[in-house]
Amino acid sequence: MENAKKIAKTLVDERLVACVNIVPYIKSFYVWEGKTTEDDEVLLVIKTRSEVKEKVIKRIKELHTYQVPEVIAIDFNSGLPEYLSWLTESVKKDGD
């Protein structure tokens, strides 16, 4: 959980993302290095602009404790206009 909080706060502080939701207590099963692994994990739902997606992914990889963190991007093209405006204004335009 501490690493998730660090990632969330860093991404928001650096204005690479508008918001991060932390969903705790995820039980994950996966194959790693040839054996089935069971882990307690947390899920981060990260909202940002598509223009900075690659910068966000790079930053997550720098901050995450996993060698290969799960990063899945879901593009969207509609939503509550006021929320989308807030999201756009909250993220640095160029991500720099």
PDB file of N, CA and C in Angstrom:
ATOM      1  N   MET A   1       0.821  -1.202   0.000  1.00  0.00           N
ATOM      2  CA  MET A   1       0.000   0.000   0.000  1.00  0.00           C
ATOM      3  C   MET A   1       0.866   1.268   0.000  1.00  0.00           C
ATOM      4  N   GLU A   2       1.988   1.226   0.712  1.00  0.00           N
ATOM      5  CA  GLU A   2       2.843   2.416   0.778  1.00  0.00           C
ATOM      6  C   GLU A   2       3.402   2.786  -0.596  1.00  0.00           C
ATOM      7  N   ASN A   3       3.795   1.787  -1.371  1.00  0.00           N
ATOM      8  CA  ASN A   3       4.307   2.075  -2.716  1.00  0.00           C
ATOM      9  C   ASN A   3       3.204   2.656  -3.590  1.00  0.00           C
ATOM     10  N   ALA A   4       1.979   2.153  -3.442  1.00  0.00           N
ATOM     11  CA  ALA A   4       0.844   2.679  -4.211  1.00  0.00           C
ATOM     12  C   ALA A   4       0.599   4.144  -3.868  1.00  0.00           C
ATOM     13  N   LYS A   5       0.653   4.470  -2.584  1.00  0.00           N
ATOM     14  CA  LYS A   5       0.465   5.860  -2.158  1.00  0.00           C
ATOM     15  C   LYS A   5       1.572   6.754  -2.714  1.00  0.00           C
ATOM     16  N   LYS A   6       2.798   6.240  -2.681  1.00  0.00           N
ATOM     17  CA  LYS A   6       3.930   7.017  -3.205  1.00  0.00           C
ATOM     18  C   LYS A   6       3.746   7.294  -4.692  1.00  0.00           C
ATOM     19  N   ILE A   7       3.361   6.273  -5.449  1.00  0.00           N
ATOM     20  CA  ILE A   7       3.140   6.445  -6.888  1.00  0.00           C
ATOM     21  C   ILE A   7       2.023   7.447  -7.127  1.00  0.00           C
ATOM     22  N   ALA A   8       0.898   7.277  -6.423  1.00  0.00           N
ATOM     23  CA  ALA A   8      -0.253   8.165  -6.607  1.00  0.00           C
ATOM     24  C   ALA A   8       0.120   9.613  -6.311  1.00  0.00           C
ATOM     25  N   LYS A   9       0.736   9.836  -5.166  1.00  0.00           N
ATOM     26  CA  LYS A   9       1.083  11.209  -4.775  1.00  0.00           C
ATOM     27  C   LYS A   9       2.094  11.826  -5.736  1.00  0.00           C
ATOM     28  N   THR A  10       3.085  11.061  -6.141  1.00  0.00           N
ATOM     29  CA  THR A  10       4.098  11.577  -7.065  1.00  0.00           C
ATOM     30  C   THR A  10       3.474  11.984  -8.389  1.00  0.00           C
ATOM     31  N   LEU A  11       2.630  11.127  -8.949  1.00  0.00           N
ATOM     32  CA  LEU A  11       2.010  11.430 -10.245  1.00  0.00           C
ATOM     33  C   LEU A  11       1.127  12.669 -10.174  1.00  0.00           C
ATOM     34  N   VAL A  12       0.389  12.821  -9.063  1.00  0.00           N
ATOM     35  CA  VAL A  12      -0.466  14.003  -8.905  1.00  0.00           C
ATOM     36  C   VAL A  12       0.392  15.241  -8.648  1.00  0.00           C
ATOM     37  N   ASP A  13       1.371  15.125  -7.750  1.00  0.00           N
ATOM     38  CA  ASP A  13       2.240  16.274  -7.447  1.00  0.00           C
ATOM     39  C   ASP A  13       2.967  16.784  -8.686  1.00  0.00           C
ATOM     40  N   GLU A  14       3.369  15.864  -9.551  1.00  0.00           N
ATOM     41  CA  GLU A  14       4.079  16.249 -10.774  1.00  0.00           C
ATOM     42  C   GLU A  14       3.122  16.672 -11.886  1.00  0.00           C
ATOM     43  N   ARG A  15       1.845  16.649 -11.603  1.00  0.00           N
ATOM     44  CA  ARG A  15       0.776  17.038 -12.532  1.00  0.00           C
ATOM     45  C   ARG A  15       0.814  16.247 -13.835  1.00  0.00           C
ATOM     46  N   LEU A  16       1.259  14.991 -13.717  1.00  0.00           N
ATOM     47  CA  LEU A  16       1.177  14.084 -14.861  1.00  0.00           C
ATOM     48  C   LEU A  16      -0.216  13.480 -14.965  1.00  0.00           C
ATOM     49  N   VAL A  17      -0.948  13.484 -13.857  1.00  0.00           N
ATOM     50  CA  VAL A  17      -2.299  12.922 -13.819  1.00  0.00           C
ATOM     51  C   VAL A  17      -3.206  13.859 -13.038  1.00  0.00           C
ATOM     52  N   ALA A  18      -4.499  13.726 -13.274  1.00  0.00           N
ATOM     53  CA  ALA A  18      -5.463  14.547 -12.549  1.00  0.00           C
ATOM     54  C   ALA A  18      -5.872  13.894 -11.236  1.00  0.00           C
ATOM     55  N   CYS A  19      -5.962  12.561 -11.244  1.00  0.00           N
ATOM     56  CA  CYS A  19      -6.496  11.857 -10.084  1.00  0.00           C
ATOM     57  C   CYS A  19      -6.021  10.413 -10.098  1.00  0.00           C
ATOM     58  N   VAL A  20      -5.835   9.860  -8.907  1.00  0.00           N
ATOM     59  CA  VAL A  20      -5.529   8.439  -8.759  1.00  0.00           C
ATOM     60  C   VAL A  20      -6.436   7.877  -7.675  1.00  0.00           C
ATOM     61  N   ASN A  21      -7.178   6.827  -8.002  1.00  0.00           N
ATOM     62  CA  ASN A  21      -7.962   6.091  -7.014  1.00  0.00           C
ATOM     63  C   ASN A  21      -7.165   4.858  -6.617  1.00  0.00           C
ATOM     64  N   ILE A  22      -7.088   4.592  -5.327  1.00  0.00           N
ATOM     65  CA  ILE A  22      -6.425   3.387  -4.834  1.00  0.00           C
ATOM     66  C   ILE A  22      -7.500   2.420  -4.361  1.00  0.00           C
ATOM     67  N   VAL A  23      -7.550   1.252  -4.995  1.00  0.00           N
ATOM     68  CA  VAL A  23      -8.491   0.196  -4.620  1.00  0.00           C
ATOM     69  C   VAL A  23      -7.666  -0.866  -3.881  1.00  0.00           C
ATOM     70  N   PRO A  24      -7.828  -0.973  -2.562  1.00  0.00           N
ATOM     71  CA  PRO A  24      -6.986  -1.892  -1.794  1.00  0.00           C
ATOM     72  C   PRO A  24      -7.487  -3.334  -1.832  1.00  0.00           C
ATOM     73  N   TYR A  25      -6.615  -4.212  -1.370  1.00  0.00           N
ATOM     74  CA  TYR A  25      -6.973  -5.606  -1.107  1.00  0.00           C
ATOM     75  C   TYR A  25      -7.411  -6.380  -2.337  1.00  0.00           C
ATOM     76  N   ILE A  26      -6.601  -6.339  -3.368  1.00  0.00           N
ATOM     77  CA  ILE A  26      -6.808  -7.146  -4.564  1.00  0.00           C
ATOM     78  C   ILE A  26      -5.986  -8.422  -4.391  1.00  0.00           C
ATOM     79  N   LYS A  27      -6.595  -9.566  -4.622  1.00  0.00           N
ATOM     80  CA  LYS A  27      -5.876 -10.847  -4.593  1.00  0.00           C
ATOM     81  C   LYS A  27      -5.574 -11.219  -6.033  1.00  0.00           C
ATOM     82  N   SER A  28      -4.295 -11.335  -6.368  1.00  0.00           N
ATOM     83  CA  SER A  28      -3.884 -11.632  -7.740  1.00  0.00           C
ATOM     84  C   SER A  28      -3.206 -12.997  -7.811  1.00  0.00           C
ATOM     85  N   PHE A  29      -3.519 -13.724  -8.876  1.00  0.00           N
ATOM     86  CA  PHE A  29      -2.869 -14.988  -9.199  1.00  0.00           C
ATOM     87  C   PHE A  29      -2.278 -14.837 -10.593  1.00  0.00           C
ATOM     88  N   TYR A  30      -1.008 -15.185 -10.760  1.00  0.00           N
ATOM     89  CA  TYR A  30      -0.358 -15.044 -12.060  1.00  0.00           C
ATOM     90  C   TYR A  30       0.855 -15.960 -12.119  1.00  0.00           C
ATOM     91  N   VAL A  31       1.321 -16.200 -13.325  1.00  0.00           N
ATOM     92  CA  VAL A  31       2.525 -16.999 -13.507  1.00  0.00           C
ATOM     93  C   VAL A  31       3.714 -16.052 -13.620  1.00  0.00           C
ATOM     94  N   TRP A  32       4.732 -16.261 -12.784  1.00  0.00           N
ATOM     95  CA  TRP A  32       5.947 -15.463 -12.829  1.00  0.00           C
ATOM     96  C   TRP A  32       7.131 -16.405 -12.687  1.00  0.00           C
ATOM     97  N   GLU A  33       8.044 -16.297 -13.636  1.00  0.00           N
ATOM     98  CA  GLU A  33       9.237 -17.138 -13.668  1.00  0.00           C
ATOM     99  C   GLU A  33       8.881 -18.622 -13.562  1.00  0.00           C
ATOM    100  N   GLY A  34       7.820 -19.009 -14.291  1.00  0.00           N
ATOM    101  CA  GLY A  34       7.457 -20.409 -14.426  1.00  0.00           C
ATOM    102  C   GLY A  34       6.604 -21.003 -13.326  1.00  0.00           C
ATOM    103  N   LYS A  35       6.223 -20.213 -12.326  1.00  0.00           N
ATOM    104  CA  LYS A  35       5.370 -20.788 -11.288  1.00  0.00           C
ATOM    105  C   LYS A  35       4.209 -19.861 -10.960  1.00  0.00           C
ATOM    106  N   THR A  36       3.100 -20.487 -10.548  1.00  0.00           N
ATOM    107  CA  THR A  36       1.914 -19.730 -10.178  1.00  0.00           C
ATOM    108  C   THR A  36       2.183 -19.003  -8.867  1.00  0.00           C
ATOM    109  N   THR A  37       1.884 -17.720  -8.872  1.00  0.00           N
ATOM    110  CA  THR A  37       2.151 -16.855  -7.729  1.00  0.00           C
ATOM    111  C   THR A  37       0.846 -16.243  -7.246  1.00  0.00           C
ATOM    112  N   GLU A  38       0.711 -16.101  -5.942  1.00  0.00           N
ATOM    113  CA  GLU A  38      -0.448 -15.446  -5.331  1.00  0.00           C
ATOM    114  C   GLU A  38       0.063 -14.251  -4.548  1.00  0.00           C
ATOM    115  N   ASP A  39      -0.520 -13.087  -4.800  1.00  0.00           N
ATOM    116  CA  ASP A  39      -0.091 -11.868  -4.114  1.00  0.00           C
ATOM    117  C   ASP A  39      -1.284 -11.020  -3.718  1.00  0.00           C
ATOM    118  N   ASP A  40      -1.131 -10.298  -2.613  1.00  0.00           N
ATOM    119  CA  ASP A  40      -2.066  -9.240  -2.251  1.00  0.00           C
ATOM    120  C   ASP A  40      -1.536  -7.969  -2.892  1.00  0.00           C
ATOM    121  N   GLU A  41      -2.379  -7.319  -3.664  1.00  0.00           N
ATOM    122  CA  GLU A  41      -1.962  -6.118  -4.384  1.00  0.00           C
ATOM    123  C   GLU A  41      -3.010  -5.029  -4.213  1.00  0.00           C
ATOM    124  N   VAL A  42      -2.704  -3.865  -4.718  1.00  0.00           N
ATOM    125  CA  VAL A  42      -3.675  -2.779  -4.798  1.00  0.00           C
ATOM    126  C   VAL A  42      -3.792  -2.362  -6.256  1.00  0.00           C
ATOM    127  N   LEU A  43      -4.937  -1.828  -6.613  1.00  0.00           N
ATOM    128  CA  LEU A  43      -5.204  -1.373  -7.976  1.00  0.00           C
ATOM    129  C   LEU A  43      -5.214   0.148  -7.980  1.00  0.00           C
ATOM    130  N   LEU A  44      -4.457   0.735  -8.887  1.00  0.00           N
ATOM    131  CA  LEU A  44      -4.494   2.182  -9.073  1.00  0.00           C
ATOM    132  C   LEU A  44      -5.282   2.484 -10.338  1.00  0.00           C
ATOM    133  N   VAL A  45      -6.305   3.310 -10.210  1.00  0.00           N
ATOM    134  CA  VAL A  45      -7.051   3.800 -11.368  1.00  0.00           C
ATOM    135  C   VAL A  45      -6.572   5.233 -11.572  1.00  0.00           C
ATOM    136  N   ILE A  46      -5.868   5.439 -12.671  1.00  0.00           N
ATOM    137  CA  ILE A  46      -5.169   6.701 -12.910  1.00  0.00           C
ATOM    138  C   ILE A  46      -5.816   7.427 -14.079  1.00  0.00           C
ATOM    139  N   LYS A  47      -6.181   8.696 -13.868  1.00  0.00           N
ATOM    140  CA  LYS A  47      -6.809   9.486 -14.930  1.00  0.00           C
ATOM    141  C   LYS A  47      -5.849  10.561 -15.409  1.00  0.00           C
ATOM    142  N   THR A  48      -5.621  10.558 -16.722  1.00  0.00           N
ATOM    143  CA  THR A  48      -4.718  11.547 -17.300  1.00  0.00           C
ATOM    144  C   THR A  48      -5.115  11.833 -18.739  1.00  0.00           C
ATOM    145  N   ARG A  49      -4.358  12.686 -19.375  1.00  0.00           N
ATOM    146  CA  ARG A  49      -4.565  13.012 -20.787  1.00  0.00           C
ATOM    147  C   ARG A  49      -3.794  12.023 -21.645  1.00  0.00           C
ATOM    148  N   SER A  50      -4.345  11.688 -22.790  1.00  0.00           N
ATOM    149  CA  SER A  50      -3.684  10.711 -23.665  1.00  0.00           C
ATOM    150  C   SER A  50      -2.313  11.205 -24.126  1.00  0.00           C
ATOM    151  N   GLU A  51      -2.133  12.519 -24.219  1.00  0.00           N
ATOM    152  CA  GLU A  51      -0.870  13.078 -24.696  1.00  0.00           C
ATOM    153  C   GLU A  51       0.302  12.771 -23.766  1.00  0.00           C
ATOM    154  N   VAL A  52       0.035  12.514 -22.495  1.00  0.00           N
ATOM    155  CA  VAL A  52       1.125  12.263 -21.545  1.00  0.00           C
ATOM    156  C   VAL A  52       1.171  10.804 -21.081  1.00  0.00           C
ATOM    157  N   LYS A  53       0.404   9.956 -21.735  1.00  0.00           N
ATOM    158  CA  LYS A  53       0.318   8.548 -21.327  1.00  0.00           C
ATOM    159  C   LYS A  53       1.691   7.894 -21.238  1.00  0.00           C
ATOM    160  N   GLU A  54       2.537   8.072 -22.235  1.00  0.00           N
ATOM    161  CA  GLU A  54       3.855   7.430 -22.226  1.00  0.00           C
ATOM    162  C   GLU A  54       4.731   7.961 -21.091  1.00  0.00           C
ATOM    163  N   LYS A  55       4.624   9.247 -20.774  1.00  0.00           N
ATOM    164  CA  LYS A  55       5.386   9.807 -19.659  1.00  0.00           C
ATOM    165  C   LYS A  55       4.909   9.227 -18.330  1.00  0.00           C
ATOM    166  N   VAL A  56       3.599   9.024 -18.208  1.00  0.00           N
ATOM    167  CA  VAL A  56       3.040   8.427 -16.992  1.00  0.00           C
ATOM    168  C   VAL A  56       3.535   6.990 -16.846  1.00  0.00           C
ATOM    169  N   ILE A  57       3.500   6.233 -17.924  1.00  0.00           N
ATOM    170  CA  ILE A  57       3.967   4.844 -17.886  1.00  0.00           C
ATOM    171  C   ILE A  57       5.443   4.791 -17.496  1.00  0.00           C
ATOM    172  N   LYS A  58       6.241   5.659 -18.076  1.00  0.00           N
ATOM    173  CA  LYS A  58       7.678   5.702 -17.748  1.00  0.00           C
ATOM    174  C   LYS A  58       7.884   5.996 -16.268  1.00  0.00           C
ATOM    175  N   ARG A  59       7.122   6.935 -15.752  1.00  0.00           N
ATOM    176  CA  ARG A  59       7.256   7.319 -14.332  1.00  0.00           C
ATOM    177  C   ARG A  59       6.813   6.180 -13.418  1.00  0.00           C
ATOM    178  N   ILE A  60       5.739   5.494 -13.775  1.00  0.00           N
ATOM    179  CA  ILE A  60       5.280   4.349 -12.981  1.00  0.00           C
ATOM    180  C   ILE A  60       6.378   3.294 -12.925  1.00  0.00           C
ATOM    181  N   LYS A  61       6.990   3.003 -14.051  1.00  0.00           N
ATOM    182  CA  LYS A  61       8.063   2.003 -14.088  1.00  0.00           C
ATOM    183  C   LYS A  61       9.242   2.417 -13.207  1.00  0.00           C
ATOM    184  N   GLU A  62       9.522   3.717 -13.130  1.00  0.00           N
ATOM    185  CA  GLU A  62      10.610   4.205 -12.275  1.00  0.00           C
ATOM    186  C   GLU A  62      10.281   4.043 -10.789  1.00  0.00           C
ATOM    187  N   LEU A  63       9.006   4.209 -10.440  1.00  0.00           N
ATOM    188  CA  LEU A  63       8.594   4.227  -9.036  1.00  0.00           C
ATOM    189  C   LEU A  63       8.151   2.870  -8.496  1.00  0.00           C
ATOM    190  N   HIS A  64       7.718   1.983  -9.365  1.00  0.00           N
ATOM    191  CA  HIS A  64       7.113   0.718  -8.933  1.00  0.00           C
ATOM    192  C   HIS A  64       8.169  -0.269  -8.457  1.00  0.00           C
ATOM    193  N   THR A  65       7.795  -1.094  -7.491  1.00  0.00           N
ATOM    194  CA  THR A  65       8.725  -2.101  -6.969  1.00  0.00           C
ATOM    195  C   THR A  65       8.780  -3.352  -7.835  1.00  0.00           C
ATOM    196  N   TYR A  66       7.771  -3.563  -8.679  1.00  0.00           N
ATOM    197  CA  TYR A  66       7.767  -4.744  -9.551  1.00  0.00           C
ATOM    198  C   TYR A  66       8.682  -4.521 -10.748  1.00  0.00           C
ATOM    199  N   GLN A  67       9.295  -5.588 -11.206  1.00  0.00           N
ATOM    200  CA  GLN A  67      10.112  -5.537 -12.416  1.00  0.00           C
ATOM    201  C   GLN A  67       9.236  -5.235 -13.632  1.00  0.00           C
ATOM    202  N   VAL A  68       8.033  -5.827 -13.659  1.00  0.00           N
ATOM    203  CA  VAL A  68       7.081  -5.612 -14.755  1.00  0.00           C
ATOM    204  C   VAL A  68       5.722  -5.255 -14.144  1.00  0.00           C
ATOM    205  N   PRO A  69       5.479  -3.975 -13.841  1.00  0.00           N
ATOM    206  CA  PRO A  69       4.181  -3.605 -13.276  1.00  0.00           C
ATOM    207  C   PRO A  69       3.073  -3.717 -14.321  1.00  0.00           C
ATOM    208  N   GLU A  70       1.877  -4.035 -13.853  1.00  0.00           N
ATOM    209  CA  GLU A  70       0.730  -4.104 -14.765  1.00  0.00           C
ATOM    210  C   GLU A  70       0.273  -2.681 -15.073  1.00  0.00           C
ATOM    211  N   VAL A  71       0.379  -2.300 -16.326  1.00  0.00           N
ATOM    212  CA  VAL A  71      -0.108  -0.998 -16.778  1.00  0.00           C
ATOM    213  C   VAL A  71      -0.973  -1.251 -17.998  1.00  0.00           C
ATOM    214  N   ILE A  72      -2.254  -0.935 -17.873  1.00  0.00           N
ATOM    215  CA  ILE A  72      -3.208  -1.108 -18.963  1.00  0.00           C
ATOM    216  C   ILE A  72      -3.898   0.234 -19.177  1.00  0.00           C
ATOM    217  N   ALA A  73      -3.897   0.728 -20.397  1.00  0.00           N
ATOM    218  CA  ALA A  73      -4.514   2.018 -20.707  1.00  0.00           C
ATOM    219  C   ALA A  73      -5.859   1.797 -21.383  1.00  0.00           C
ATOM    220  N   ILE A  74      -6.847   2.528 -20.914  1.00  0.00           N
ATOM    221  CA  ILE A  74      -8.182   2.491 -21.516  1.00  0.00           C
ATOM    222  C   ILE A  74      -8.487   3.895 -22.019  1.00  0.00           C
ATOM    223  N   ASP A  75      -8.545   4.043 -23.317  1.00  0.00           N
ATOM    224  CA  ASP A  75      -8.878   5.343 -23.896  1.00  0.00           C
ATOM    225  C   ASP A  75     -10.389   5.555 -23.832  1.00  0.00           C
ATOM    226  N   PHE A  76     -10.795   6.790 -23.599  1.00  0.00           N
ATOM    227  CA  PHE A  76     -12.222   7.116 -23.587  1.00  0.00           C
ATOM    228  C   PHE A  76     -12.432   8.374 -24.408  1.00  0.00           C
ATOM    229  N   ASN A  77     -13.629   8.517 -24.932  1.00  0.00           N
ATOM    230  CA  ASN A  77     -13.906   9.691 -25.761  1.00  0.00           C
ATOM    231  C   ASN A  77     -15.147  10.445 -25.318  1.00  0.00           C
ATOM    232  N   SER A  78     -15.708  10.062 -24.183  1.00  0.00           N
ATOM    233  CA  SER A  78     -16.855  10.812 -23.687  1.00  0.00           C
ATOM    234  C   SER A  78     -16.920  10.688 -22.174  1.00  0.00           C
ATOM    235  N   GLY A  79     -17.659  11.593 -21.579  1.00  0.00           N
ATOM    236  CA  GLY A  79     -17.835  11.630 -20.136  1.00  0.00           C
ATOM    237  C   GLY A  79     -18.506  12.939 -19.761  1.00  0.00           C
ATOM    238  N   LEU A  80     -18.702  13.150 -18.483  1.00  0.00           N
ATOM    239  CA  LEU A  80     -19.291  14.397 -18.015  1.00  0.00           C
ATOM    240  C   LEU A  80     -18.385  15.548 -18.449  1.00  0.00           C
ATOM    241  N   PRO A  81     -18.892  16.478 -19.254  1.00  0.00           N
ATOM    242  CA  PRO A  81     -18.035  17.545 -19.788  1.00  0.00           C
ATOM    243  C   PRO A  81     -17.269  18.323 -18.720  1.00  0.00           C
ATOM    244  N   GLU A  82     -17.922  18.618 -17.601  1.00  0.00           N
ATOM    245  CA  GLU A  82     -17.253  19.374 -16.542  1.00  0.00           C
ATOM    246  C   GLU A  82     -16.078  18.577 -15.955  1.00  0.00           C
ATOM    247  N   TYR A  83     -16.257  17.275 -15.817  1.00  0.00           N
ATOM    248  CA  TYR A  83     -15.173  16.437 -15.290  1.00  0.00           C
ATOM    249  C   TYR A  83     -14.017  16.389 -16.276  1.00  0.00           C
ATOM    250  N   LEU A  84     -14.339  16.214 -17.544  1.00  0.00           N
ATOM    251  CA  LEU A  84     -13.291  16.153 -18.561  1.00  0.00           C
ATOM    252  C   LEU A  84     -12.529  17.471 -18.648  1.00  0.00           C
ATOM    253  N   SER A  85     -13.222  18.583 -18.473  1.00  0.00           N
ATOM    254  CA  SER A  85     -12.548  19.892 -18.453  1.00  0.00           C
ATOM    255  C   SER A  85     -11.606  19.992 -17.262  1.00  0.00           C
ATOM    256  N   TRP A  86     -12.086  19.555 -16.094  1.00  0.00           N
ATOM    257  CA  TRP A  86     -11.244  19.567 -14.899  1.00  0.00           C
ATOM    258  C   TRP A  86     -10.009  18.695 -15.105  1.00  0.00           C
ATOM    259  N   LEU A  87     -10.195  17.510 -15.667  1.00  0.00           N
ATOM    260  CA  LEU A  87      -9.080  16.601 -15.929  1.00  0.00           C
ATOM    261  C   LEU A  87      -8.052  17.275 -16.838  1.00  0.00           C
ATOM    262  N   THR A  88      -8.536  17.875 -17.909  1.00  0.00           N
ATOM    263  CA  THR A  88      -7.652  18.538 -18.869  1.00  0.00           C
ATOM    264  C   THR A  88      -6.871  19.671 -18.209  1.00  0.00           C
ATOM    265  N   GLU A  89      -7.540  20.461 -17.379  1.00  0.00           N
ATOM    266  CA  GLU A  89      -6.888  21.593 -16.718  1.00  0.00           C
ATOM    267  C   GLU A  89      -5.922  21.152 -15.622  1.00  0.00           C
ATOM    268  N   SER A  90      -6.155  19.981 -15.049  1.00  0.00           N
ATOM    269  CA  SER A  90      -5.349  19.507 -13.919  1.00  0.00           C
ATOM    270  C   SER A  90      -4.012  18.910 -14.331  1.00  0.00           C
ATOM    271  N   VAL A  91      -3.902  18.477 -15.576  1.00  0.00           N
ATOM    272  CA  VAL A  91      -2.682  17.836 -16.065  1.00  0.00           C
ATOM    273  C   VAL A  91      -1.902  18.853 -16.885  1.00  0.00           C
ATOM    274  N   LYS A  92      -0.604  18.921 -16.655  1.00  0.00           N
ATOM    275  CA  LYS A  92       0.225  19.819 -17.463  1.00  0.00           C
ATOM    276  C   LYS A  92       0.018  19.514 -18.936  1.00  0.00           C
ATOM    277  N   LYS A  93      -0.073  20.541 -19.721  1.00  0.00           N
ATOM    278  CA  LYS A  93      -0.361  20.365 -21.143  1.00  0.00           C
ATOM    279  C   LYS A  93       0.663  19.494 -21.854  1.00  0.00           C
ATOM    280  N   ASP A  94       1.933  19.676 -21.552  1.00  0.00           N
ATOM    281  CA  ASP A  94       2.955  18.881 -22.228  1.00  0.00           C
ATOM    282  C   ASP A  94       3.546  17.818 -21.313  1.00  0.00           C
ATOM    283  N   GLY A  95       3.074  17.766 -20.067  1.00  0.00           N
ATOM    284  CA  GLY A  95       3.578  16.785 -19.127  1.00  0.00           C
ATOM    285  C   GLY A  95       4.971  17.085 -18.604  1.00  0.00           C
ATOM    286  N   ASP A  96       5.524  18.244 -18.986  1.00  0.00           N
ATOM    287  CA  ASP A  96       6.887  18.594 -18.538  1.00  0.00           C
ATOM    288  C   ASP A  96       6.845  19.420 -17.265  1.00  0.00           C
TER     289      ASP A  96
END
